[in-house]
Amino acid sequence: MPPAGFAALRMAQMVAGIPETTSLQTLNRQCSSGLQAVASIANAIAQDNIHIGTGAGVESVSLYPMNQLKLPTVDWERMQSSRAAMDCLLPMGLTSETVCQEYGLDRVKLDEFAVQSHQKAAAAQAAGKFDSEIVPVGSVKQDDGIRASTVQHSKFCRT
């Protein structure tokens, strides 16, 4: 069984050789934990609270599908009286579909934008544009989230 988020982060810190005395913050948003972690680090640097930091997320929907999580023990009758509270249970997939409908966004155009974003990031990375922003840690010397080979497959897109 994979470790929970807090344990995975501490374990990765130790294996990477980052001293145990180094500050560590764990957060859990289910989705976008990595993005929130990077935003928190950027804010701390901007406020001159720290000089360097690492932001990463460890959530995995494939390992912990939302439909298999045990719901918390709460007063469901009271919760159901609030639409906003119940909307907290919507998975991100449904949330994104709702946002697309509400704002008239086209899935194919969004996927095209995502492909272009990965292609631009890959070109910038290849040109060394991010080199001054990344401090190598062990064998990690660049962002491994950029997918240079990303292409659009319209058969997977719903409109």
N, C-alpha and C. Protein backbone atom coordinates (compact mmCIF):
# COMPACT_ATOMS: atom_id res chain seq x y z
N MET A 1 0.84 -1.18 0.00
CA MET A 1 0.00 0.00 0.00
C MET A 1 0.88 1.23 0.00
N PRO A 2 0.58 2.20 -0.91
CA PRO A 2 1.40 3.40 -0.95
C PRO A 2 1.20 4.24 0.30
N PRO A 3 2.22 5.00 0.69
CA PRO A 3 2.09 5.82 1.89
C PRO A 3 1.13 6.98 1.66
N ALA A 4 0.55 7.45 2.73
CA ALA A 4 -0.31 8.63 2.65
C ALA A 4 0.55 9.82 2.28
N GLY A 5 -0.09 10.90 1.84
CA GLY A 5 0.63 12.06 1.35
C GLY A 5 1.71 12.58 2.27
N PHE A 6 1.41 12.73 3.56
CA PHE A 6 2.41 13.28 4.48
C PHE A 6 3.63 12.37 4.59
N ALA A 7 3.42 11.07 4.62
CA ALA A 7 4.54 10.13 4.75
C ALA A 7 5.35 10.08 3.46
N ALA A 8 4.69 10.11 2.31
CA ALA A 8 5.40 10.06 1.03
C ALA A 8 6.31 11.27 0.89
N LEU A 9 5.84 12.43 1.30
CA LEU A 9 6.64 13.64 1.20
C LEU A 9 7.87 13.58 2.11
N ARG A 10 7.68 13.16 3.34
CA ARG A 10 8.81 13.06 4.27
C ARG A 10 9.80 12.00 3.79
N MET A 11 9.29 10.88 3.29
CA MET A 11 10.16 9.82 2.78
C MET A 11 10.97 10.31 1.58
N ALA A 12 10.32 11.04 0.66
CA ALA A 12 11.02 11.57 -0.51
C ALA A 12 12.10 12.56 -0.08
N GLN A 13 11.81 13.37 0.92
CA GLN A 13 12.78 14.33 1.42
C GLN A 13 14.03 13.61 1.93
N MET A 14 13.83 12.56 2.69
CA MET A 14 14.96 11.82 3.26
C MET A 14 15.78 11.12 2.18
N VAL A 15 15.10 10.45 1.25
CA VAL A 15 15.80 9.72 0.19
C VAL A 15 16.55 10.66 -0.73
N ALA A 16 16.01 11.88 -0.93
CA ALA A 16 16.67 12.87 -1.79
C ALA A 16 17.89 13.49 -1.11
N GLY A 17 18.07 13.19 0.18
CA GLY A 17 19.22 13.73 0.89
C GLY A 17 18.98 15.13 1.45
N ILE A 18 17.74 15.57 1.43
CA ILE A 18 17.43 16.87 2.01
C ILE A 18 17.39 16.70 3.52
N PRO A 19 18.14 17.49 4.27
CA PRO A 19 18.23 17.29 5.72
C PRO A 19 16.86 17.27 6.40
N GLU A 20 16.75 16.41 7.40
CA GLU A 20 15.49 16.30 8.16
C GLU A 20 15.15 17.59 8.89
N THR A 21 16.14 18.44 9.08
CA THR A 21 15.90 19.72 9.75
C THR A 21 15.27 20.75 8.83
N THR A 22 15.17 20.42 7.53
CA THR A 22 14.57 21.33 6.56
C THR A 22 13.06 21.35 6.75
N SER A 23 12.49 22.55 6.74
CA SER A 23 11.04 22.69 6.91
C SER A 23 10.30 21.91 5.84
N LEU A 24 9.15 21.38 6.24
CA LEU A 24 8.33 20.59 5.35
C LEU A 24 6.87 20.94 5.62
N GLN A 25 6.12 21.16 4.57
CA GLN A 25 4.70 21.46 4.72
C GLN A 25 3.93 20.51 3.82
N THR A 26 2.90 19.91 4.35
CA THR A 26 2.05 19.01 3.58
C THR A 26 0.66 19.61 3.51
N LEU A 27 0.05 19.51 2.33
CA LEU A 27 -1.32 19.94 2.19
C LEU A 27 -2.05 18.92 1.34
N ASN A 28 -3.35 18.89 1.47
CA ASN A 28 -4.14 17.92 0.73
C ASN A 28 -5.36 18.61 0.17
N ARG A 29 -5.40 18.74 -1.14
CA ARG A 29 -6.55 19.34 -1.82
C ARG A 29 -7.25 18.32 -2.70
N GLN A 30 -6.83 17.09 -2.66
CA GLN A 30 -7.33 16.03 -3.54
C GLN A 30 -6.94 16.30 -4.98
N CYS A 31 -7.22 17.45 -5.50
CA CYS A 31 -6.79 17.86 -6.83
C CYS A 31 -6.02 19.16 -6.69
N SER A 32 -5.03 19.32 -7.48
CA SER A 32 -4.22 20.55 -7.52
C SER A 32 -3.37 20.76 -6.28
N SER A 33 -3.05 19.71 -5.55
CA SER A 33 -2.16 19.87 -4.40
C SER A 33 -0.80 20.39 -4.83
N GLY A 34 -0.29 19.86 -5.95
CA GLY A 34 1.00 20.32 -6.45
C GLY A 34 0.98 21.79 -6.81
N LEU A 35 -0.08 22.22 -7.48
CA LEU A 35 -0.22 23.62 -7.86
C LEU A 35 -0.29 24.50 -6.62
N GLN A 36 -1.06 24.08 -5.61
CA GLN A 36 -1.16 24.86 -4.38
C GLN A 36 0.17 24.89 -3.64
N ALA A 37 0.89 23.77 -3.66
CA ALA A 37 2.19 23.73 -2.99
C ALA A 37 3.17 24.70 -3.63
N VAL A 38 3.20 24.72 -4.97
CA VAL A 38 4.09 25.65 -5.67
C VAL A 38 3.68 27.09 -5.40
N ALA A 39 2.37 27.37 -5.38
CA ALA A 39 1.90 28.73 -5.07
C ALA A 39 2.32 29.13 -3.66
N SER A 40 2.22 28.22 -2.71
CA SER A 40 2.62 28.52 -1.32
C SER A 40 4.11 28.83 -1.24
N ILE A 41 4.92 28.04 -1.94
CA ILE A 41 6.37 28.27 -1.96
C ILE A 41 6.67 29.63 -2.60
N ALA A 42 6.04 29.91 -3.73
CA ALA A 42 6.26 31.19 -4.43
C ALA A 42 5.90 32.36 -3.53
N ASN A 43 4.78 32.24 -2.81
CA ASN A 43 4.37 33.31 -1.89
C ASN A 43 5.38 33.48 -0.76
N ALA A 44 5.87 32.38 -0.23
CA ALA A 44 6.85 32.47 0.86
C ALA A 44 8.14 33.13 0.38
N ILE A 45 8.56 32.82 -0.84
CA ILE A 45 9.76 33.45 -1.41
C ILE A 45 9.50 34.93 -1.65
N ALA A 46 8.33 35.26 -2.21
CA ALA A 46 7.99 36.67 -2.48
C ALA A 46 7.94 37.49 -1.20
N GLN A 47 7.52 36.87 -0.10
CA GLN A 47 7.45 37.57 1.19
C GLN A 47 8.79 37.57 1.91
N ASP A 48 9.81 36.97 1.29
CA ASP A 48 11.15 36.86 1.86
C ASP A 48 11.17 36.06 3.16
N ASN A 49 10.22 35.12 3.27
CA ASN A 49 10.22 34.22 4.43
C ASN A 49 11.20 33.08 4.24
N ILE A 50 11.40 32.68 3.00
CA ILE A 50 12.37 31.63 2.68
C ILE A 50 13.11 32.05 1.41
N HIS A 51 14.23 31.39 1.13
CA HIS A 51 15.01 31.71 -0.07
C HIS A 51 14.85 30.65 -1.15
N ILE A 52 14.50 29.45 -0.73
CA ILE A 52 14.36 28.34 -1.66
C ILE A 52 13.33 27.38 -1.10
N GLY A 53 12.62 26.69 -1.96
CA GLY A 53 11.62 25.74 -1.49
C GLY A 53 11.29 24.72 -2.57
N THR A 54 10.61 23.69 -2.17
CA THR A 54 10.16 22.66 -3.10
C THR A 54 8.66 22.52 -2.95
N GLY A 55 7.97 22.50 -4.06
CA GLY A 55 6.52 22.30 -4.04
C GLY A 55 6.17 21.08 -4.86
N ALA A 56 5.38 20.19 -4.31
CA ALA A 56 5.01 18.97 -5.03
C ALA A 56 3.68 18.45 -4.51
N GLY A 57 2.97 17.74 -5.33
CA GLY A 57 1.71 17.12 -4.94
C GLY A 57 1.82 15.61 -5.04
N VAL A 58 1.06 14.90 -4.24
CA VAL A 58 1.13 13.45 -4.26
C VAL A 58 -0.23 12.77 -4.43
N GLU A 59 -1.28 13.56 -4.71
CA GLU A 59 -2.57 12.90 -4.86
C GLU A 59 -2.56 12.03 -6.11
N SER A 60 -3.34 10.99 -6.07
CA SER A 60 -3.42 10.08 -7.20
C SER A 60 -4.84 9.53 -7.28
N VAL A 61 -5.59 10.04 -8.23
CA VAL A 61 -6.97 9.60 -8.38
C VAL A 61 -7.02 8.13 -8.81
N SER A 62 -5.99 7.68 -9.53
CA SER A 62 -6.00 6.28 -9.97
C SER A 62 -5.77 5.32 -8.80
N LEU A 63 -5.04 5.77 -7.78
CA LEU A 63 -4.82 4.92 -6.61
C LEU A 63 -5.95 5.03 -5.60
N TYR A 64 -6.58 6.19 -5.54
CA TYR A 64 -7.65 6.43 -4.57
C TYR A 64 -8.85 7.06 -5.28
N PRO A 65 -9.57 6.29 -6.09
CA PRO A 65 -10.70 6.86 -6.82
C PRO A 65 -11.71 7.50 -5.87
N MET A 66 -12.17 8.68 -6.27
CA MET A 66 -13.10 9.44 -5.43
C MET A 66 -14.34 8.63 -5.06
N ASN A 67 -14.81 7.79 -5.98
CA ASN A 67 -16.04 7.04 -5.70
C ASN A 67 -15.82 5.89 -4.73
N GLN A 68 -14.58 5.66 -4.31
CA GLN A 68 -14.31 4.59 -3.36
C GLN A 68 -13.87 5.11 -1.99
N LEU A 69 -13.82 6.42 -1.84
CA LEU A 69 -13.43 6.98 -0.55
C LEU A 69 -14.59 6.90 0.43
N LYS A 70 -14.26 6.62 1.67
CA LYS A 70 -15.29 6.57 2.70
C LYS A 70 -15.69 7.99 3.07
N LEU A 71 -16.98 8.25 3.05
CA LEU A 71 -17.46 9.58 3.40
C LEU A 71 -17.30 9.82 4.90
N PRO A 72 -17.02 11.05 5.27
CA PRO A 72 -16.87 11.37 6.70
C PRO A 72 -18.21 11.24 7.43
N THR A 73 -18.12 11.05 8.73
CA THR A 73 -19.32 10.99 9.55
C THR A 73 -19.74 12.42 9.87
N VAL A 74 -20.84 12.83 9.27
CA VAL A 74 -21.35 14.19 9.49
C VAL A 74 -22.87 14.12 9.57
N ASP A 75 -23.47 15.20 9.90
CA ASP A 75 -24.93 15.31 9.92
C ASP A 75 -25.38 15.56 8.48
N TRP A 76 -25.62 14.47 7.74
CA TRP A 76 -25.95 14.58 6.32
C TRP A 76 -27.26 15.33 6.09
N GLU A 77 -28.20 15.20 7.00
CA GLU A 77 -29.45 15.93 6.83
C GLU A 77 -29.20 17.44 6.80
N ARG A 78 -28.34 17.88 7.71
CA ARG A 78 -28.00 19.31 7.76
C ARG A 78 -27.17 19.70 6.54
N MET A 79 -26.22 18.85 6.16
CA MET A 79 -25.37 19.14 5.00
C MET A 79 -26.21 19.28 3.73
N GLN A 80 -27.22 18.42 3.58
CA GLN A 80 -28.05 18.45 2.38
C GLN A 80 -28.92 19.70 2.29
N SER A 81 -29.03 20.43 3.38
CA SER A 81 -29.80 21.68 3.35
C SER A 81 -28.99 22.80 2.68
N SER A 82 -27.71 22.55 2.41
CA SER A 82 -26.86 23.55 1.79
C SER A 82 -26.32 23.02 0.46
N ARG A 83 -26.77 23.61 -0.62
CA ARG A 83 -26.30 23.19 -1.95
C ARG A 83 -24.79 23.39 -2.05
N ALA A 84 -24.28 24.51 -1.53
CA ALA A 84 -22.84 24.79 -1.60
C ALA A 84 -22.04 23.73 -0.87
N ALA A 85 -22.53 23.30 0.29
CA ALA A 85 -21.82 22.25 1.04
C ALA A 85 -21.82 20.95 0.27
N MET A 86 -22.92 20.58 -0.34
CA MET A 86 -22.99 19.33 -1.09
C MET A 86 -22.15 19.39 -2.37
N ASP A 87 -22.01 20.59 -2.94
CA ASP A 87 -21.17 20.74 -4.13
C ASP A 87 -19.70 20.42 -3.84
N CYS A 88 -19.32 20.46 -2.57
CA CYS A 88 -17.95 20.11 -2.20
C CYS A 88 -17.64 18.65 -2.51
N LEU A 89 -18.65 17.84 -2.68
CA LEU A 89 -18.46 16.41 -2.95
C LEU A 89 -18.32 16.11 -4.44
N LEU A 90 -18.49 17.11 -5.31
CA LEU A 90 -18.37 16.88 -6.74
C LEU A 90 -16.91 16.65 -7.11
N PRO A 91 -16.62 15.59 -7.85
CA PRO A 91 -15.24 15.37 -8.29
C PRO A 91 -14.84 16.40 -9.34
N MET A 92 -13.54 16.63 -9.48
CA MET A 92 -13.05 17.65 -10.40
C MET A 92 -13.50 17.41 -11.83
N GLY A 93 -13.62 16.17 -12.25
CA GLY A 93 -14.07 15.88 -13.61
C GLY A 93 -15.43 16.48 -13.88
N LEU A 94 -16.36 16.29 -12.96
CA LEU A 94 -17.69 16.88 -13.12
C LEU A 94 -17.65 18.39 -12.98
N THR A 95 -16.80 18.87 -12.09
CA THR A 95 -16.68 20.31 -11.91
C THR A 95 -16.21 20.97 -13.20
N SER A 96 -15.22 20.38 -13.85
CA SER A 96 -14.71 20.98 -15.09
C SER A 96 -15.75 20.94 -16.19
N GLU A 97 -16.53 19.87 -16.26
CA GLU A 97 -17.60 19.80 -17.26
C GLU A 97 -18.64 20.89 -16.99
N THR A 98 -18.98 21.11 -15.74
CA THR A 98 -19.95 22.14 -15.36
C THR A 98 -19.43 23.53 -15.74
N VAL A 99 -18.16 23.80 -15.45
CA VAL A 99 -17.57 25.09 -15.78
C VAL A 99 -17.60 25.31 -17.30
N CYS A 100 -17.30 24.27 -18.07
CA CYS A 100 -17.35 24.39 -19.54
C CYS A 100 -18.75 24.74 -20.01
N GLN A 101 -19.74 24.09 -19.46
CA GLN A 101 -21.12 24.38 -19.85
C GLN A 101 -21.53 25.80 -19.44
N GLU A 102 -21.21 26.16 -18.21
CA GLU A 102 -21.63 27.45 -17.69
C GLU A 102 -21.03 28.62 -18.45
N TYR A 103 -19.76 28.47 -18.87
CA TYR A 103 -19.08 29.58 -19.55
C TYR A 103 -18.94 29.37 -21.06
N GLY A 104 -19.60 28.34 -21.59
CA GLY A 104 -19.58 28.11 -23.03
C GLY A 104 -18.20 27.78 -23.58
N LEU A 105 -17.41 27.06 -22.80
CA LEU A 105 -16.06 26.70 -23.24
C LEU A 105 -16.12 25.43 -24.09
N ASP A 106 -15.30 25.39 -25.11
CA ASP A 106 -15.27 24.27 -26.03
C ASP A 106 -14.13 23.32 -25.66
N ARG A 107 -14.45 22.07 -25.42
CA ARG A 107 -13.45 21.09 -24.97
C ARG A 107 -12.31 20.94 -25.98
N VAL A 108 -12.63 20.90 -27.27
CA VAL A 108 -11.59 20.74 -28.29
C VAL A 108 -10.62 21.93 -28.25
N LYS A 109 -11.16 23.15 -28.12
CA LYS A 109 -10.31 24.34 -28.05
C LYS A 109 -9.45 24.33 -26.79
N LEU A 110 -10.01 23.88 -25.68
CA LEU A 110 -9.24 23.78 -24.44
C LEU A 110 -8.12 22.76 -24.57
N ASP A 111 -8.43 21.63 -25.21
CA ASP A 111 -7.39 20.62 -25.42
C ASP A 111 -6.29 21.14 -26.36
N GLU A 112 -6.70 21.89 -27.40
CA GLU A 112 -5.71 22.50 -28.29
C GLU A 112 -4.80 23.46 -27.52
N PHE A 113 -5.39 24.25 -26.63
CA PHE A 113 -4.62 25.18 -25.81
C PHE A 113 -3.62 24.42 -24.93
N ALA A 114 -4.08 23.31 -24.35
CA ALA A 114 -3.21 22.51 -23.49
C ALA A 114 -2.03 21.94 -24.28
N VAL A 115 -2.31 21.45 -25.48
CA VAL A 115 -1.24 20.90 -26.33
C VAL A 115 -0.23 22.00 -26.64
N GLN A 116 -0.72 23.18 -27.05
CA GLN A 116 0.17 24.30 -27.36
C GLN A 116 0.98 24.71 -26.13
N SER A 117 0.37 24.66 -24.97
CA SER A 117 1.07 25.02 -23.74
C SER A 117 2.24 24.07 -23.47
N HIS A 118 1.99 22.77 -23.63
CA HIS A 118 3.08 21.80 -23.44
C HIS A 118 4.17 22.00 -24.49
N GLN A 119 3.79 22.27 -25.73
CA GLN A 119 4.78 22.47 -26.79
C GLN A 119 5.63 23.72 -26.52
N LYS A 120 4.99 24.80 -26.07
CA LYS A 120 5.73 26.03 -25.74
C LYS A 120 6.66 25.79 -24.55
N ALA A 121 6.16 25.10 -23.54
CA ALA A 121 6.99 24.82 -22.36
C ALA A 121 8.18 23.95 -22.74
N ALA A 122 7.96 22.97 -23.61
CA ALA A 122 9.05 22.08 -24.04
C ALA A 122 10.11 22.88 -24.81
N ALA A 123 9.66 23.77 -25.70
CA ALA A 123 10.60 24.60 -26.46
C ALA A 123 11.39 25.51 -25.52
N ALA A 124 10.71 26.11 -24.55
CA ALA A 124 11.39 26.99 -23.59
C ALA A 124 12.40 26.20 -22.76
N GLN A 125 12.01 25.00 -22.35
CA GLN A 125 12.92 24.16 -21.57
C GLN A 125 14.14 23.78 -22.40
N ALA A 126 13.92 23.39 -23.66
CA ALA A 126 15.03 23.02 -24.54
C ALA A 126 15.97 24.19 -24.78
N ALA A 127 15.43 25.41 -24.77
CA ALA A 127 16.25 26.61 -24.98
C ALA A 127 16.91 27.08 -23.68
N GLY A 128 16.66 26.37 -22.57
CA GLY A 128 17.29 26.71 -21.30
C GLY A 128 16.66 27.88 -20.57
N LYS A 129 15.44 28.25 -20.96
CA LYS A 129 14.80 29.43 -20.36
C LYS A 129 14.45 29.24 -18.88
N PHE A 130 14.33 28.00 -18.42
CA PHE A 130 13.97 27.75 -17.02
C PHE A 130 15.20 27.42 -16.15
N ASP A 131 16.36 27.29 -16.78
CA ASP A 131 17.55 26.83 -16.07
C ASP A 131 17.88 27.66 -14.83
N SER A 132 17.73 28.97 -14.91
CA SER A 132 18.09 29.82 -13.77
C SER A 132 17.06 29.75 -12.65
N GLU A 133 15.90 29.13 -12.92
CA GLU A 133 14.83 29.05 -11.92
C GLU A 133 14.83 27.73 -11.17
N ILE A 134 15.64 26.77 -11.60
CA ILE A 134 15.60 25.44 -11.02
C ILE A 134 16.93 25.11 -10.35
N VAL A 135 16.84 24.69 -9.11
CA VAL A 135 18.02 24.23 -8.39
C VAL A 135 18.01 22.70 -8.45
N PRO A 136 19.00 22.11 -9.11
CA PRO A 136 19.02 20.64 -9.20
C PRO A 136 19.08 19.99 -7.82
N VAL A 137 18.28 18.95 -7.65
CA VAL A 137 18.28 18.16 -6.41
C VAL A 137 18.51 16.71 -6.83
N GLY A 138 19.68 16.20 -6.51
CA GLY A 138 20.01 14.84 -6.94
C GLY A 138 19.99 14.74 -8.45
N SER A 139 19.25 13.78 -8.97
CA SER A 139 19.19 13.60 -10.42
C SER A 139 18.11 14.47 -11.08
N VAL A 140 17.34 15.18 -10.28
CA VAL A 140 16.28 16.04 -10.83
C VAL A 140 16.88 17.39 -11.19
N LYS A 141 16.91 17.66 -12.50
CA LYS A 141 17.53 18.89 -12.97
C LYS A 141 16.57 19.77 -13.77
N GLN A 142 15.38 19.24 -14.03
CA GLN A 142 14.39 20.03 -14.77
C GLN A 142 12.99 19.53 -14.46
N ASP A 143 12.02 20.34 -14.82
CA ASP A 143 10.62 19.99 -14.61
C ASP A 143 10.30 18.77 -15.45
N ASP A 144 9.82 17.71 -14.80
CA ASP A 144 9.49 16.50 -15.56
C ASP A 144 8.00 16.41 -15.88
N GLY A 145 7.27 17.48 -15.63
CA GLY A 145 5.84 17.49 -15.93
C GLY A 145 5.52 17.98 -17.34
N ILE A 146 6.52 18.54 -18.01
CA ILE A 146 6.30 19.01 -19.38
C ILE A 146 6.32 17.81 -20.30
N ARG A 147 5.30 17.70 -21.11
CA ARG A 147 5.19 16.56 -22.03
C ARG A 147 5.41 17.06 -23.46
N ALA A 148 6.67 17.02 -23.89
CA ALA A 148 7.03 17.54 -25.21
C ALA A 148 6.31 16.81 -26.34
N SER A 149 5.97 15.57 -26.14
CA SER A 149 5.34 14.78 -27.20
C SER A 149 3.82 14.86 -27.18
N THR A 150 3.26 15.78 -26.39
CA THR A 150 1.81 15.91 -26.31
C THR A 150 1.23 16.27 -27.67
N VAL A 151 0.25 15.51 -28.08
CA VAL A 151 -0.48 15.79 -29.32
C VAL A 151 -1.96 15.68 -29.03
N GLN A 152 -2.75 16.30 -29.87
CA GLN A 152 -4.20 16.25 -29.68
C GLN A 152 -4.76 15.02 -30.38
N HIS A 153 -5.55 14.29 -29.65
CA HIS A 153 -6.26 13.13 -30.20
C HIS A 153 -7.75 13.45 -30.13
N SER A 154 -8.30 13.91 -31.24
CA SER A 154 -9.69 14.34 -31.23
C SER A 154 -10.66 13.22 -30.90
N LYS A 155 -10.25 11.95 -31.12
CA LYS A 155 -11.17 10.86 -30.80
C LYS A 155 -11.43 10.74 -29.30
N PHE A 156 -10.55 11.35 -28.47
CA PHE A 156 -10.74 11.30 -27.03
C PHE A 156 -11.50 12.51 -26.50
N CYS A 157 -11.74 13.48 -27.35
CA CYS A 157 -12.37 14.72 -26.91
C CYS A 157 -13.87 14.66 -27.11
N ARG A 158 -14.57 15.16 -26.12
CA ARG A 158 -16.02 15.30 -26.24
C ARG A 158 -16.30 16.76 -26.50
N THR A 159 -17.30 17.04 -27.29
CA THR A 159 -17.66 18.44 -27.54
C THR A 159 -19.06 18.69 -27.07
